[in-house]
Every structure is written in structure tokens, then in C-alpha cells.
Amino acid sequence: IGRAAEATEERVVRAEHLSEGAGSAPAPRRSAGPGREEIARALQA
């Protein structure tokens, strides 16, 4: 939130001022992310 505030001179800080990956778990080092089956299971759940 501090970084987002510094990213704009506006008084109102908006969602687009957040970093895209902020607040999300880092991707595993050996993988580009979840695969098709894992995504499908998560969506089904």
C-alpha cells in the first residue's frame, strides 16, 4: 500500500496502482505455475 501510494500523485489510491503480483504467492521455482488439471480442480471446487 505504501508503494502504491508512491506510484501516484493522486489523493485517491486505486486498484491499478497495486503491483500485479502483490499479495499473491510467488510461483514455484521449478514450475511456471499450476497445470491444466490443477486449475480445473480448483475451478470445480
ModelCIF file with pLDDT and N, C-alpha, C, O atoms, coordinates in Angstrom:
data_MODEL
#
_entry.id   MODEL 
#
_entity.id                         1 
_entity.type                       polymer 
_entity.pdbx_number_of_molecules   1 
#
_entity_poly.entity_id                      1 
_entity_poly.type                           'polypeptide(L)' 
_entity_poly.nstd_linkage                   no 
_entity_poly.nstd_monomer                   no 
_entity_poly.pdbx_seq_one_letter_code       IGRAAEATEERVVRAEHLSEGAGSAPAPRRSAGPGREEIARALQA 
_entity_poly.pdbx_seq_one_letter_code_can   IGRAAEATEERVVRAEHLSEGAGSAPAPRRSAGPGREEIARALQA 
_entity_poly.pdbx_strand_id                 A 
#
loop_
_entity_poly_seq.entity_id 
_entity_poly_seq.num 
_entity_poly_seq.mon_id 
_entity_poly_seq.hetero 
1 1  ILE n 
1 2  GLY n 
1 3  ARG n 
1 4  ALA n 
1 5  ALA n 
1 6  GLU n 
1 7  ALA n 
1 8  THR n 
1 9  GLU n 
1 10 GLU n 
1 11 ARG n 
1 12 VAL n 
1 13 VAL n 
1 14 ARG n 
1 15 ALA n 
1 16 GLU n 
1 17 HIS n 
1 18 LEU n 
1 19 SER n 
1 20 GLU n 
1 21 GLY n 
1 22 ALA n 
1 23 GLY n 
1 24 SER n 
1 25 ALA n 
1 26 PRO n 
1 27 ALA n 
1 28 PRO n 
1 29 ARG n 
1 30 ARG n 
1 31 SER n 
1 32 ALA n 
1 33 GLY n 
1 34 PRO n 
1 35 GLY n 
1 36 ARG n 
1 37 GLU n 
1 38 GLU n 
1 39 ILE n 
1 40 ALA n 
1 41 ARG n 
1 42 ALA n 
1 43 LEU n 
1 44 GLN n 
1 45 ALA n 
#
_struct_asym.id          A 
_struct_asym.entity_id   1 
#
loop_
_ma_qa_metric.id 
_ma_qa_metric.mode 
_ma_qa_metric.name 
_ma_qa_metric.software_group_id 
_ma_qa_metric.type 
1 global pLDDT . pLDDT 
2 local  pLDDT . pLDDT 
#
_ma_qa_metric_global.metric_id      1 
_ma_qa_metric_global.metric_value   82.93 
_ma_qa_metric_global.model_id       1 
_ma_qa_metric_global.ordinal_id     1 
#
loop_
_ma_qa_metric_local.label_asym_id 
_ma_qa_metric_local.label_comp_id 
_ma_qa_metric_local.label_seq_id 
_ma_qa_metric_local.metric_id 
_ma_qa_metric_local.metric_value 
_ma_qa_metric_local.model_id 
_ma_qa_metric_local.ordinal_id 
A ILE 1  2 98.00 1 1  
A GLY 2  2 97.00 1 2  
A ARG 3  2 96.00 1 3  
A ALA 4  2 97.00 1 4  
A ALA 5  2 97.00 1 5  
A GLU 6  2 95.00 1 6  
A ALA 7  2 93.00 1 7  
A THR 8  2 93.00 1 8  
A GLU 9  2 93.00 1 9  
A GLU 10 2 95.00 1 10 
A ARG 11 2 97.00 1 11 
A VAL 12 2 97.00 1 12 
A VAL 13 2 98.00 1 13 
A ARG 14 2 97.00 1 14 
A ALA 15 2 96.00 1 15 
A GLU 16 2 95.00 1 16 
A HIS 17 2 96.00 1 17 
A LEU 18 2 95.00 1 18 
A SER 19 2 91.00 1 19 
A GLU 20 2 84.00 1 20 
A GLY 21 2 86.00 1 21 
A ALA 22 2 90.00 1 22 
A GLY 23 2 93.00 1 23 
A SER 24 2 87.00 1 24 
A ALA 25 2 67.00 1 25 
A PRO 26 2 60.00 1 26 
A ALA 27 2 47.00 1 27 
A PRO 28 2 45.00 1 28 
A ARG 29 2 40.00 1 29 
A ARG 30 2 38.00 1 30 
A SER 31 2 43.00 1 31 
A ALA 32 2 53.00 1 32 
A GLY 33 2 67.00 1 33 
A PRO 34 2 78.00 1 34 
A GLY 35 2 82.00 1 35 
A ARG 36 2 85.00 1 36 
A GLU 37 2 84.00 1 37 
A GLU 38 2 87.00 1 38 
A ILE 39 2 90.00 1 39 
A ALA 40 2 88.00 1 40 
A ARG 41 2 85.00 1 41 
A ALA 42 2 86.00 1 42 
A LEU 43 2 86.00 1 43 
A GLN 44 2 83.00 1 44 
A ALA 45 2 82.00 1 45 
#
loop_
_atom_site.group_PDB 
_atom_site.id 
_atom_site.type_symbol 
_atom_site.label_atom_id 
_atom_site.label_alt_id 
_atom_site.label_comp_id 
_atom_site.label_asym_id 
_atom_site.label_entity_id 
_atom_site.label_seq_id 
_atom_site.pdbx_PDB_ins_code 
_atom_site.Cartn_x 
_atom_site.Cartn_y 
_atom_site.Cartn_z 
_atom_site.occupancy 
_atom_site.B_iso_or_equiv 
_atom_site.pdbx_formal_charge 
_atom_site.auth_seq_id 
_atom_site.auth_comp_id 
_atom_site.auth_asym_id 
_atom_site.auth_atom_id 
_atom_site.pdbx_PDB_model_num 
ATOM 1   N N  . ILE A 1 1  ? 0.835   -1.199  0.000   1.00 98.00 ? 1  ILE A N  1 
ATOM 2   C CA . ILE A 1 1  ? 0.000   0.000   0.000   1.00 98.00 ? 1  ILE A CA 1 
ATOM 3   C C  . ILE A 1 1  ? 0.873   1.252   0.000   1.00 98.00 ? 1  ILE A C  1 
ATOM 4   O O  . ILE A 1 1  ? 0.552   2.233   -0.671  1.00 98.00 ? 1  ILE A O  1 
ATOM 5   N N  . GLY A 1 2  ? 1.976   1.220   0.751   1.00 97.00 ? 2  GLY A N  1 
ATOM 6   C CA . GLY A 1 2  ? 2.907   2.344   0.727   1.00 97.00 ? 2  GLY A CA 1 
ATOM 7   C C  . GLY A 1 2  ? 3.512   2.540   -0.645  1.00 97.00 ? 2  GLY A C  1 
ATOM 8   O O  . GLY A 1 2  ? 3.660   3.670   -1.110  1.00 97.00 ? 2  GLY A O  1 
ATOM 9   N N  . ARG A 1 3  ? 3.865   1.431   -1.301  1.00 96.00 ? 3  ARG A N  1 
ATOM 10  C CA . ARG A 1 3  ? 4.424   1.529   -2.653  1.00 96.00 ? 3  ARG A CA 1 
ATOM 11  C C  . ARG A 1 3  ? 3.398   2.056   -3.641  1.00 96.00 ? 3  ARG A C  1 
ATOM 12  O O  . ARG A 1 3  ? 3.727   2.851   -4.522  1.00 96.00 ? 3  ARG A O  1 
ATOM 13  N N  . ALA A 1 4  ? 2.131   1.607   -3.494  1.00 97.00 ? 4  ALA A N  1 
ATOM 14  C CA . ALA A 1 4  ? 1.065   2.075   -4.388  1.00 97.00 ? 4  ALA A CA 1 
ATOM 15  C C  . ALA A 1 4  ? 0.837   3.572   -4.223  1.00 97.00 ? 4  ALA A C  1 
ATOM 16  O O  . ALA A 1 4  ? 0.594   4.280   -5.200  1.00 97.00 ? 4  ALA A O  1 
ATOM 17  N N  . ALA A 1 5  ? 0.917   4.054   -2.984  1.00 97.00 ? 5  ALA A N  1 
ATOM 18  C CA . ALA A 1 5  ? 0.738   5.490   -2.741  1.00 97.00 ? 5  ALA A CA 1 
ATOM 19  C C  . ALA A 1 5  ? 1.846   6.303   -3.392  1.00 97.00 ? 5  ALA A C  1 
ATOM 20  O O  . ALA A 1 5  ? 1.617   7.408   -3.883  1.00 97.00 ? 5  ALA A O  1 
ATOM 21  N N  . GLU A 1 6  ? 3.054   5.738   -3.390  1.00 95.00 ? 6  GLU A N  1 
ATOM 22  C CA . GLU A 1 6  ? 4.180   6.442   -4.006  1.00 95.00 ? 6  GLU A CA 1 
ATOM 23  C C  . GLU A 1 6  ? 4.115   6.409   -5.525  1.00 95.00 ? 6  GLU A C  1 
ATOM 24  O O  . GLU A 1 6  ? 4.776   7.199   -6.199  1.00 95.00 ? 6  GLU A O  1 
ATOM 25  N N  . ALA A 1 7  ? 3.308   5.483   -6.067  1.00 93.00 ? 7  ALA A N  1 
ATOM 26  C CA . ALA A 1 7  ? 3.217   5.326   -7.517  1.00 93.00 ? 7  ALA A CA 1 
ATOM 27  C C  . ALA A 1 7  ? 2.291   6.353   -8.161  1.00 93.00 ? 7  ALA A C  1 
ATOM 28  O O  . ALA A 1 7  ? 2.206   6.422   -9.387  1.00 93.00 ? 7  ALA A O  1 
ATOM 29  N N  . THR A 1 8  ? 1.605   7.142   -7.358  1.00 93.00 ? 8  THR A N  1 
ATOM 30  C CA . THR A 1 8  ? 0.671   8.124   -7.903  1.00 93.00 ? 8  THR A CA 1 
ATOM 31  C C  . THR A 1 8  ? 0.719   9.410   -7.092  1.00 93.00 ? 8  THR A C  1 
ATOM 32  O O  . THR A 1 8  ? 1.020   9.403   -5.898  1.00 93.00 ? 8  THR A O  1 
ATOM 33  N N  . GLU A 1 9  ? 0.416   10.508  -7.763  1.00 93.00 ? 9  GLU A N  1 
ATOM 34  C CA . GLU A 1 9  ? 0.306   11.786  -7.065  1.00 93.00 ? 9  GLU A CA 1 
ATOM 35  C C  . GLU A 1 9  ? -1.144  12.097  -6.717  1.00 93.00 ? 9  GLU A C  1 
ATOM 36  O O  . GLU A 1 9  ? -1.434  13.124  -6.105  1.00 93.00 ? 9  GLU A O  1 
ATOM 37  N N  . GLU A 1 10 ? -2.049  11.212  -7.106  1.00 95.00 ? 10 GLU A N  1 
ATOM 38  C CA . GLU A 1 10 ? -3.462  11.414  -6.813  1.00 95.00 ? 10 GLU A CA 1 
ATOM 39  C C  . GLU A 1 10 ? -3.732  11.223  -5.317  1.00 95.00 ? 10 GLU A C  1 
ATOM 40  O O  . GLU A 1 10 ? -3.039  10.464  -4.640  1.00 95.00 ? 10 GLU A O  1 
ATOM 41  N N  . ARG A 1 11 ? -4.746  11.922  -4.821  1.00 97.00 ? 11 ARG A N  1 
ATOM 42  C CA . ARG A 1 11 ? -5.121  11.745  -3.418  1.00 97.00 ? 11 ARG A CA 1 
ATOM 43  C C  . ARG A 1 11 ? -5.762  10.387  -3.197  1.00 97.00 ? 11 ARG A C  1 
ATOM 44  O O  . ARG A 1 11 ? -5.595  9.779   -2.140  1.00 97.00 ? 11 ARG A O  1 
ATOM 45  N N  . VAL A 1 12 ? -6.511  9.902   -4.215  1.00 97.00 ? 12 VAL A N  1 
ATOM 46  C CA . VAL A 1 12 ? -7.197  8.619   -4.118  1.00 97.00 ? 12 VAL A CA 1 
ATOM 47  C C  . VAL A 1 12 ? -6.313  7.535   -4.730  1.00 97.00 ? 12 VAL A C  1 
ATOM 48  O O  . VAL A 1 12 ? -5.973  7.601   -5.911  1.00 97.00 ? 12 VAL A O  1 
ATOM 49  N N  . VAL A 1 13 ? -5.946  6.547   -3.933  1.00 98.00 ? 13 VAL A N  1 
ATOM 50  C CA . VAL A 1 13 ? -5.126  5.437   -4.417  1.00 98.00 ? 13 VAL A CA 1 
ATOM 51  C C  . VAL A 1 13 ? -6.061  4.345   -4.928  1.00 98.00 ? 13 VAL A C  1 
ATOM 52  O O  . VAL A 1 13 ? -7.000  3.945   -4.240  1.00 98.00 ? 13 VAL A O  1 
ATOM 53  N N  . ARG A 1 14 ? -5.792  3.868   -6.148  1.00 97.00 ? 14 ARG A N  1 
ATOM 54  C CA . ARG A 1 14 ? -6.710  2.962   -6.820  1.00 97.00 ? 14 ARG A CA 1 
ATOM 55  C C  . ARG A 1 14 ? -6.120  1.566   -6.977  1.00 97.00 ? 14 ARG A C  1 
ATOM 56  O O  . ARG A 1 14 ? -4.935  1.342   -6.730  1.00 97.00 ? 14 ARG A O  1 
ATOM 57  N N  . ALA A 1 15 ? -6.968  0.637   -7.391  1.00 96.00 ? 15 ALA A N  1 
ATOM 58  C CA . ALA A 1 15 ? -6.535  -0.753  -7.539  1.00 96.00 ? 15 ALA A CA 1 
ATOM 59  C C  . ALA A 1 15 ? -5.424  -0.895  -8.567  1.00 96.00 ? 15 ALA A C  1 
ATOM 60  O O  . ALA A 1 15 ? -4.535  -1.731  -8.406  1.00 96.00 ? 15 ALA A O  1 
ATOM 61  N N  . GLU A 1 16 ? -5.464  -0.091  -9.618  1.00 95.00 ? 16 GLU A N  1 
ATOM 62  C CA . GLU A 1 16 ? -4.447  -0.217  -10.659 1.00 95.00 ? 16 GLU A CA 1 
ATOM 63  C C  . GLU A 1 16 ? -3.065  0.223   -10.191 1.00 95.00 ? 16 GLU A C  1 
ATOM 64  O O  . GLU A 1 16 ? -2.074  -0.019  -10.879 1.00 95.00 ? 16 GLU A O  1 
ATOM 65  N N  . HIS A 1 17 ? -2.990  0.862   -9.039  1.00 96.00 ? 17 HIS A N  1 
ATOM 66  C CA . HIS A 1 17 ? -1.689  1.265   -8.510  1.00 96.00 ? 17 HIS A CA 1 
ATOM 67  C C  . HIS A 1 17 ? -0.991  0.115   -7.781  1.00 96.00 ? 17 HIS A C  1 
ATOM 68  O O  . HIS A 1 17 ? 0.189   0.228   -7.446  1.00 96.00 ? 17 HIS A O  1 
ATOM 69  N N  . LEU A 1 18 ? -1.694  -0.976  -7.533  1.00 95.00 ? 18 LEU A N  1 
ATOM 70  C CA . LEU A 1 18 ? -1.077  -2.149  -6.923  1.00 95.00 ? 18 LEU A CA 1 
ATOM 71  C C  . LEU A 1 18 ? -0.214  -2.874  -7.940  1.00 95.00 ? 18 LEU A C  1 
ATOM 72  O O  . LEU A 1 18 ? -0.518  -2.881  -9.133  1.00 95.00 ? 18 LEU A O  1 
ATOM 73  N N  . SER A 1 19 ? 0.866   -3.485  -7.462  1.00 91.00 ? 19 SER A N  1 
ATOM 74  C CA . SER A 1 19 ? 1.652   -4.351  -8.327  1.00 91.00 ? 19 SER A CA 1 
ATOM 75  C C  . SER A 1 19 ? 0.826   -5.582  -8.667  1.00 91.00 ? 19 SER A C  1 
ATOM 76  O O  . SER A 1 19 ? 0.070   -6.074  -7.829  1.00 91.00 ? 19 SER A O  1 
ATOM 77  N N  . GLU A 1 20 ? 0.966   -6.080  -9.884  1.00 84.00 ? 20 GLU A N  1 
ATOM 78  C CA . GLU A 1 20 ? 0.137   -7.212  -10.305 1.00 84.00 ? 20 GLU A CA 1 
ATOM 79  C C  . GLU A 1 20 ? 0.336   -8.432  -9.417  1.00 84.00 ? 20 GLU A C  1 
ATOM 80  O O  . GLU A 1 20 ? -0.633  -9.113  -9.079  1.00 84.00 ? 20 GLU A O  1 
ATOM 81  N N  . GLY A 1 21 ? 1.564   -8.714  -9.037  1.00 86.00 ? 21 GLY A N  1 
ATOM 82  C CA . GLY A 1 21 ? 1.826   -9.914  -8.252  1.00 86.00 ? 21 GLY A CA 1 
ATOM 83  C C  . GLY A 1 21 ? 1.743   -9.709  -6.754  1.00 86.00 ? 21 GLY A C  1 
ATOM 84  O O  . GLY A 1 21 ? 1.886   -10.664 -5.991  1.00 86.00 ? 21 GLY A O  1 
ATOM 85  N N  . ALA A 1 22 ? 1.511   -8.466  -6.313  1.00 90.00 ? 22 ALA A N  1 
ATOM 86  C CA . ALA A 1 22 ? 1.483   -8.203  -4.878  1.00 90.00 ? 22 ALA A CA 1 
ATOM 87  C C  . ALA A 1 22 ? 0.323   -8.943  -4.222  1.00 90.00 ? 22 ALA A C  1 
ATOM 88  O O  . ALA A 1 22 ? -0.783  -8.994  -4.758  1.00 90.00 ? 22 ALA A O  1 
ATOM 89  N N  . GLY A 1 23 ? 0.596   -9.512  -3.055  1.00 93.00 ? 23 GLY A N  1 
ATOM 90  C CA . GLY A 1 23 ? -0.452  -10.196 -2.323  1.00 93.00 ? 23 GLY A CA 1 
ATOM 91  C C  . GLY A 1 23 ? -0.707  -11.609 -2.789  1.00 93.00 ? 23 GLY A C  1 
ATOM 92  O O  . GLY A 1 23 ? -1.606  -12.274 -2.272  1.00 93.00 ? 23 GLY A O  1 
ATOM 93  N N  . SER A 1 24 ? 0.065   -12.087 -3.758  1.00 87.00 ? 24 SER A N  1 
ATOM 94  C CA . SER A 1 24 ? -0.101  -13.449 -4.264  1.00 87.00 ? 24 SER A CA 1 
ATOM 95  C C  . SER A 1 24 ? 1.133   -14.258 -3.931  1.00 87.00 ? 24 SER A C  1 
ATOM 96  O O  . SER A 1 24 ? 2.228   -13.714 -3.796  1.00 87.00 ? 24 SER A O  1 
ATOM 97  N N  . ALA A 1 25 ? 0.950   -15.561 -3.800  1.00 67.00 ? 25 ALA A N  1 
ATOM 98  C CA . ALA A 1 25 ? 2.078   -16.433 -3.500  1.00 67.00 ? 25 ALA A CA 1 
ATOM 99  C C  . ALA A 1 25 ? 3.035   -16.456 -4.682  1.00 67.00 ? 25 ALA A C  1 
ATOM 100 O O  . ALA A 1 25 ? 2.586   -16.502 -5.827  1.00 67.00 ? 25 ALA A O  1 
ATOM 101 N N  . PRO A 1 26 ? 4.364   -16.425 -4.434  1.00 60.00 ? 26 PRO A N  1 
ATOM 102 C CA . PRO A 1 26 ? 5.307   -16.494 -5.553  1.00 60.00 ? 26 PRO A CA 1 
ATOM 103 C C  . PRO A 1 26 ? 5.204   -17.823 -6.278  1.00 60.00 ? 26 PRO A C  1 
ATOM 104 O O  . PRO A 1 26 ? 4.899   -18.852 -5.675  1.00 60.00 ? 26 PRO A O  1 
ATOM 105 N N  . ALA A 1 27 ? 5.457   -17.791 -7.565  1.00 47.00 ? 27 ALA A N  1 
ATOM 106 C CA . ALA A 1 27 ? 5.384   -19.018 -8.370  1.00 47.00 ? 27 ALA A CA 1 
ATOM 107 C C  . ALA A 1 27 ? 6.494   -19.975 -7.960  1.00 47.00 ? 27 ALA A C  1 
ATOM 108 O O  . ALA A 1 27 ? 7.603   -19.531 -7.664  1.00 47.00 ? 27 ALA A O  1 
ATOM 109 N N  . PRO A 1 28 ? 6.224   -21.285 -7.937  1.00 45.00 ? 28 PRO A N  1 
ATOM 110 C CA . PRO A 1 28 ? 7.276   -22.263 -7.611  1.00 45.00 ? 28 PRO A CA 1 
ATOM 111 C C  . PRO A 1 28 ? 8.468   -22.112 -8.542  1.00 45.00 ? 28 PRO A C  1 
ATOM 112 O O  . PRO A 1 28 ? 8.297   -21.804 -9.722  1.00 45.00 ? 28 PRO A O  1 
ATOM 113 N N  . ARG A 1 29 ? 9.683   -22.327 -8.021  1.00 40.00 ? 29 ARG A N  1 
ATOM 114 C CA . ARG A 1 29 ? 10.890  -22.126 -8.821  1.00 40.00 ? 29 ARG A CA 1 
ATOM 115 C C  . ARG A 1 29 ? 10.971  -23.091 -10.000 1.00 40.00 ? 29 ARG A C  1 
ATOM 116 O O  . ARG A 1 29 ? 11.497  -22.742 -11.058 1.00 40.00 ? 29 ARG A O  1 
ATOM 117 N N  . ARG A 1 30 ? 10.454  -24.299 -9.819  1.00 38.00 ? 30 ARG A N  1 
ATOM 118 C CA . ARG A 1 30 ? 10.620  -25.314 -10.858 1.00 38.00 ? 30 ARG A CA 1 
ATOM 119 C C  . ARG A 1 30 ? 9.388   -25.416 -11.749 1.00 38.00 ? 30 ARG A C  1 
ATOM 120 O O  . ARG A 1 30 ? 9.279   -26.341 -12.554 1.00 38.00 ? 30 ARG A O  1 
ATOM 121 N N  . SER A 1 31 ? 8.489   -24.499 -11.614 1.00 43.00 ? 31 SER A N  1 
ATOM 122 C CA . SER A 1 31 ? 7.250   -24.604 -12.390 1.00 43.00 ? 31 SER A CA 1 
ATOM 123 C C  . SER A 1 31 ? 6.804   -23.228 -12.815 1.00 43.00 ? 31 SER A C  1 
ATOM 124 O O  . SER A 1 31 ? 7.025   -22.248 -12.104 1.00 43.00 ? 31 SER A O  1 
ATOM 125 N N  . ALA A 1 32 ? 6.177   -23.149 -13.972 1.00 53.00 ? 32 ALA A N  1 
ATOM 126 C CA . ALA A 1 32 ? 5.638   -21.880 -14.443 1.00 53.00 ? 32 ALA A CA 1 
ATOM 127 C C  . ALA A 1 32 ? 4.294   -21.589 -13.812 1.00 53.00 ? 32 ALA A C  1 
ATOM 128 O O  . ALA A 1 32 ? 3.681   -20.569 -14.126 1.00 53.00 ? 32 ALA A O  1 
ATOM 129 N N  . GLY A 1 33 ? 3.819   -22.451 -12.934 1.00 67.00 ? 33 GLY A N  1 
ATOM 130 C CA . GLY A 1 33 ? 2.527   -22.251 -12.296 1.00 67.00 ? 33 GLY A CA 1 
ATOM 131 C C  . GLY A 1 33 ? 1.721   -23.535 -12.334 1.00 67.00 ? 33 GLY A C  1 
ATOM 132 O O  . GLY A 1 33 ? 2.222   -24.569 -12.777 1.00 67.00 ? 33 GLY A O  1 
ATOM 133 N N  . PRO A 1 34 ? 0.481   -23.482 -11.877 1.00 78.00 ? 34 PRO A N  1 
ATOM 134 C CA . PRO A 1 34 ? -0.350  -24.683 -11.866 1.00 78.00 ? 34 PRO A CA 1 
ATOM 135 C C  . PRO A 1 34 ? -0.646  -25.172 -13.280 1.00 78.00 ? 34 PRO A C  1 
ATOM 136 O O  . PRO A 1 34 ? -0.760  -24.380 -14.216 1.00 78.00 ? 34 PRO A O  1 
ATOM 137 N N  . GLY A 1 35 ? -0.768  -26.470 -13.414 1.00 82.00 ? 35 GLY A N  1 
ATOM 138 C CA . GLY A 1 35 ? -1.074  -27.039 -14.719 1.00 82.00 ? 35 GLY A CA 1 
ATOM 139 C C  . GLY A 1 35 ? -2.569  -27.100 -14.975 1.00 82.00 ? 35 GLY A C  1 
ATOM 140 O O  . GLY A 1 35 ? -3.379  -26.682 -14.149 1.00 82.00 ? 35 GLY A O  1 
ATOM 141 N N  . ARG A 1 36 ? -2.914  -27.631 -16.140 1.00 85.00 ? 36 ARG A N  1 
ATOM 142 C CA . ARG A 1 36 ? -4.311  -27.676 -16.549 1.00 85.00 ? 36 ARG A CA 1 
ATOM 143 C C  . ARG A 1 36 ? -5.188  -28.400 -15.530 1.00 85.00 ? 36 ARG A C  1 
ATOM 144 O O  . ARG A 1 36 ? -6.247  -27.905 -15.145 1.00 85.00 ? 36 ARG A O  1 
ATOM 145 N N  . GLU A 1 37 ? -4.724  -29.604 -15.089 1.00 84.00 ? 37 GLU A N  1 
ATOM 146 C CA . GLU A 1 37 ? -5.548  -30.395 -14.178 1.00 84.00 ? 37 GLU A CA 1 
ATOM 147 C C  . GLU A 1 37 ? -5.737  -29.694 -12.839 1.00 84.00 ? 37 GLU A C  1 
ATOM 148 O O  . GLU A 1 37 ? -6.829  -29.719 -12.272 1.00 84.00 ? 37 GLU A O  1 
ATOM 149 N N  . GLU A 1 38 ? -4.667  -29.063 -12.326 1.00 87.00 ? 38 GLU A N  1 
ATOM 150 C CA . GLU A 1 38 ? -4.773  -28.362 -11.052 1.00 87.00 ? 38 GLU A CA 1 
ATOM 151 C C  . GLU A 1 38 ? -5.735  -27.178 -11.163 1.00 87.00 ? 38 GLU A C  1 
ATOM 152 O O  . GLU A 1 38 ? -6.532  -26.933 -10.257 1.00 87.00 ? 38 GLU A O  1 
ATOM 153 N N  . ILE A 1 39 ? -5.658  -26.455 -12.264 1.00 90.00 ? 39 ILE A N  1 
ATOM 154 C CA . ILE A 1 39 ? -6.570  -25.331 -12.490 1.00 90.00 ? 39 ILE A CA 1 
ATOM 155 C C  . ILE A 1 39 ? -8.009  -25.827 -12.568 1.00 90.00 ? 39 ILE A C  1 
ATOM 156 O O  . ILE A 1 39 ? -8.913  -25.236 -11.978 1.00 90.00 ? 39 ILE A O  1 
ATOM 157 N N  . ALA A 1 40 ? -8.212  -26.922 -13.304 1.00 88.00 ? 40 ALA A N  1 
ATOM 158 C CA . ALA A 1 40 ? -9.567  -27.452 -13.459 1.00 88.00 ? 40 ALA A CA 1 
ATOM 159 C C  . ALA A 1 40 ? -10.142 -27.896 -12.121 1.00 88.00 ? 40 ALA A C  1 
ATOM 160 O O  . ALA A 1 40 ? -11.320 -27.665 -11.845 1.00 88.00 ? 40 ALA A O  1 
ATOM 161 N N  . ARG A 1 41 ? -9.315  -28.536 -11.281 1.00 85.00 ? 41 ARG A N  1 
ATOM 162 C CA . ARG A 1 41 ? -9.785  -28.966 -9.968  1.00 85.00 ? 41 ARG A CA 1 
ATOM 163 C C  . ARG A 1 41 ? -10.144 -27.770 -9.093  1.00 85.00 ? 41 ARG A C  1 
ATOM 164 O O  . ARG A 1 41 ? -11.151 -27.785 -8.384  1.00 85.00 ? 41 ARG A O  1 
ATOM 165 N N  . ALA A 1 42 ? -9.307  -26.734 -9.151  1.00 86.00 ? 42 ALA A N  1 
ATOM 166 C CA . ALA A 1 42 ? -9.574  -25.547 -8.338  1.00 86.00 ? 42 ALA A CA 1 
ATOM 167 C C  . ALA A 1 42 ? -10.865 -24.853 -8.777  1.00 86.00 ? 42 ALA A C  1 
ATOM 168 O O  . ALA A 1 42 ? -11.646 -24.400 -7.941  1.00 86.00 ? 42 ALA A O  1 
ATOM 169 N N  . LEU A 1 43 ? -11.082 -24.773 -10.075 1.00 86.00 ? 43 LEU A N  1 
ATOM 170 C CA . LEU A 1 43 ? -12.310 -24.153 -10.583 1.00 86.00 ? 43 LEU A CA 1 
ATOM 171 C C  . LEU A 1 43 ? -13.537 -24.978 -10.218 1.00 86.00 ? 43 LEU A C  1 
ATOM 172 O O  . LEU A 1 43 ? -14.588 -24.432 -9.881  1.00 86.00 ? 43 LEU A O  1 
ATOM 173 N N  . GLN A 1 44 ? -13.392 -26.290 -10.288 1.00 83.00 ? 44 GLN A N  1 
ATOM 174 C CA . GLN A 1 44 ? -14.522 -27.150 -9.927  1.00 83.00 ? 44 GLN A CA 1 
ATOM 175 C C  . GLN A 1 44 ? -14.851 -27.000 -8.448  1.00 83.00 ? 44 GLN A C  1 
ATOM 176 O O  . GLN A 1 44 ? -16.022 -26.918 -8.075  1.00 83.00 ? 44 GLN A O  1 
ATOM 177 N N  . ALA A 1 45 ? -13.819 -26.963 -7.601  1.00 82.00 ? 45 ALA A N  1 
ATOM 178 C CA . ALA A 1 45 ? -14.043 -26.810 -6.159  1.00 82.00 ? 45 ALA A CA 1 
ATOM 179 C C  . ALA A 1 45 ? -14.664 -25.463 -5.820  1.00 82.00 ? 45 ALA A C  1 
ATOM 180 O O  . ALA A 1 45 ? -14.916 -25.176 -4.650  1.00 82.00 ? 45 ALA A O  1 
#
